[in-house]
Each structure stands twice: as C-alpha cells, then as structure tokens.
C-alpha atoms as a PDB file:
ATOM      1  CA  MET A   1      -8.480 -11.221   5.161  1.00  0.00           C
ATOM      2  CA  ASP A   2      -4.922 -12.078   4.225  1.00  0.00           C
ATOM      3  CA  LYS A   3      -2.133 -11.348   6.724  1.00  0.00           C
ATOM      4  CA  ARG A   4       1.443 -10.960   5.486  1.00  0.00           C
ATOM      5  CA  SER A   5       4.706 -10.035   7.187  1.00  0.00           C
ATOM      6  CA  ILE A   6       7.145  -7.543   5.696  1.00  0.00           C
ATOM      7  CA  THR A   7      10.183  -5.628   6.904  1.00  0.00           C
ATOM      8  CA  LEU A   8       9.862  -1.837   7.158  1.00  0.00           C
ATOM      9  CA  ASP A   9      12.891   0.179   8.233  1.00  0.00           C
ATOM     10  CA  GLY A  10      14.506  -2.962   9.613  1.00  0.00           C
ATOM     11  CA  HIS A  11      11.478  -4.051  11.655  1.00  0.00           C
ATOM     12  CA  ARG A  12       9.158  -6.945  10.875  1.00  0.00           C
ATOM     13  CA  THR A  13       5.494  -6.022  10.825  1.00  0.00           C
ATOM     14  CA  SER A  14       2.334  -7.881   9.896  1.00  0.00           C
ATOM     15  CA  ILE A  15      -0.308  -6.300   7.699  1.00  0.00           C
ATOM     16  CA  ALA A  16      -3.812  -7.715   7.329  1.00  0.00           C
ATOM     17  CA  LEU A  17      -5.619  -6.694   4.124  1.00  0.00           C
ATOM     18  CA  GLU A  18      -8.342  -8.112   1.964  1.00  0.00           C
ATOM     19  CA  THR A  19      -7.035 -10.123  -0.996  1.00  0.00           C
ATOM     20  CA  ALA A  20      -8.252  -7.475  -3.457  1.00  0.00           C
ATOM     21  CA  PHE A  21      -5.960  -4.884  -1.821  1.00  0.00           C
ATOM     22  CA  TRP A  22      -2.948  -7.215  -1.944  1.00  0.00           C
ATOM     23  CA  ASP A  23      -3.723  -7.828  -5.621  1.00  0.00           C
ATOM     24  CA  GLY A  24      -3.949  -4.075  -6.183  1.00  0.00           C
ATOM     25  CA  LEU A  25      -0.615  -3.504  -4.428  1.00  0.00           C
ATOM     26  CA  GLU A  26       1.046  -6.135  -6.610  1.00  0.00           C
ATOM     27  CA  GLU A  27      -0.352  -4.544  -9.768  1.00  0.00           C
ATOM     28  CA  ILE A  28       0.651  -1.008  -8.716  1.00  0.00           C
ATOM     29  CA  ALA A  29       4.152  -2.173  -7.741  1.00  0.00           C
ATOM     30  CA  GLY A  30       4.497  -3.829 -11.154  1.00  0.00           C
ATOM     31  CA  VAL A  31       3.427  -0.657 -12.956  1.00  0.00           C
ATOM     32  CA  HIS A  32       6.076   1.317 -11.061  1.00  0.00           C
ATOM     33  CA  GLY A  33       8.740  -1.380 -11.339  1.00  0.00           C
ATOM     34  CA  VAL A  34       9.185  -1.794  -7.583  1.00  0.00           C
ATOM     35  CA  SER A  35       8.549  -4.576  -5.097  1.00  0.00           C
ATOM     36  CA  VAL A  36       5.442  -4.645  -2.907  1.00  0.00           C
ATOM     37  CA  PRO A  37       7.535  -4.028   0.251  1.00  0.00           C
ATOM     38  CA  THR A  38       9.143  -0.991  -1.431  1.00  0.00           C
ATOM     39  CA  LEU A  39       5.706   0.353  -2.350  1.00  0.00           C
ATOM     40  CA  ILE A  40       4.421  -0.222   1.190  1.00  0.00           C
ATOM     41  CA  ALA A  41       7.505   1.553   2.602  1.00  0.00           C
ATOM     42  CA  ALA A  42       6.680   4.589   0.422  1.00  0.00           C
ATOM     43  CA  ILE A  43       3.076   4.572   1.658  1.00  0.00           C
ATOM     44  CA  ASP A  44       4.348   4.199   5.230  1.00  0.00           C
ATOM     45  CA  ARG A  45       6.591   7.278   4.903  1.00  0.00           C
ATOM     46  CA  GLU A  46       3.661   9.416   3.711  1.00  0.00           C
ATOM     47  CA  ARG A  47       0.874   8.157   5.967  1.00  0.00           C
ATOM     48  CA  GLY A  48       1.319  10.502   8.894  1.00  0.00           C
ATOM     49  CA  ALA A  49      -0.629   9.329  11.953  1.00  0.00           C
ATOM     50  CA  HIS A  50      -2.951   7.025   9.999  1.00  0.00           C
ATOM     51  CA  ASN A  51      -3.013   3.268  10.511  1.00  0.00           C
ATOM     52  CA  LEU A  52      -0.764   1.551   7.936  1.00  0.00           C
ATOM     53  CA  ALA A  53      -3.430  -0.865   6.670  1.00  0.00           C
ATOM     54  CA  SER A  54      -5.866   2.031   6.235  1.00  0.00           C
ATOM     55  CA  ALA A  55      -3.221   4.114   4.445  1.00  0.00           C
ATOM     56  CA  ILE A  56      -2.572   1.204   2.063  1.00  0.00           C
ATOM     57  CA  ARG A  57      -6.282   0.845   1.291  1.00  0.00           C
ATOM     58  CA  VAL A  58      -6.554   4.578   0.568  1.00  0.00           C
ATOM     59  CA  ALA A  59      -3.441   4.515  -1.645  1.00  0.00           C
ATOM     60  CA  VAL A  60      -4.818   1.605  -3.684  1.00  0.00           C
ATOM     61  CA  LEU A  61      -8.216   3.288  -3.977  1.00  0.00           C
ATOM     62  CA  GLU A  62      -6.629   6.578  -5.090  1.00  0.00           C
ATOM     63  CA  HIS A  63      -4.525   4.754  -7.686  1.00  0.00           C
ATOM     64  CA  TYR A  64      -7.561   3.159  -9.292  1.00  0.00           C
ATOM     65  CA  ARG A  65      -9.665   6.313  -9.074  1.00  0.00           C
ATOM     66  CA  GLY A  66      -7.051   8.177 -11.087  1.00  0.00           C
ATOM     67  CA  PRO A  67      -6.316  11.887 -10.908  1.00  0.00           C
ATOM     68  CA  LYS A  68      -8.904  14.116  -9.311  1.00  0.00           C
ATOM     69  CA  PRO A  69     -10.631  16.514 -11.718  1.00  0.00           C
ATOM     70  CA  ALA A  70      -9.863  20.212 -11.300  1.00  0.00           C
ATOM     71  CA  ALA A  71     -12.470  22.107  -9.318  1.00  0.00           C
END
C-alpha cells in the first residue's frame, strides 16, 4: 500500500492505494495529457457518495477493461 498526499479543491488529503493503481493512474493521466492530481480531481467530482480510493480503483479498472459491449 502506497499513501500519497494531494490537494483537492484546496484541501490536502491522503490517498492509500496499491502501487499498481498508482501506476495505472500515472499511465491514464499521461494518455489524457493531465497530471495525476487533475485526474483524481475529475474522479472525485464524479464519485458521488463512494469512497475516493474505491472510486479511483474502479476508474482504473474501467479504463483497462475498455468500453462495455452493447447488450
């Protein structure tokens, strides 16, 4: 588990994620041409009532799964 501190909406927060998820966030941010904190802020805005670390894990998983096939 790797714990990092970032600033979201002017507030410092710590996020603990497995190294593989941090690596995934860095790769996704690079693909989109944004910083990791900017990517996390976007995930934070869309997460609703879910825990931020959980929302990040789901976002990384969904990115690597790709688009869902049509039903």
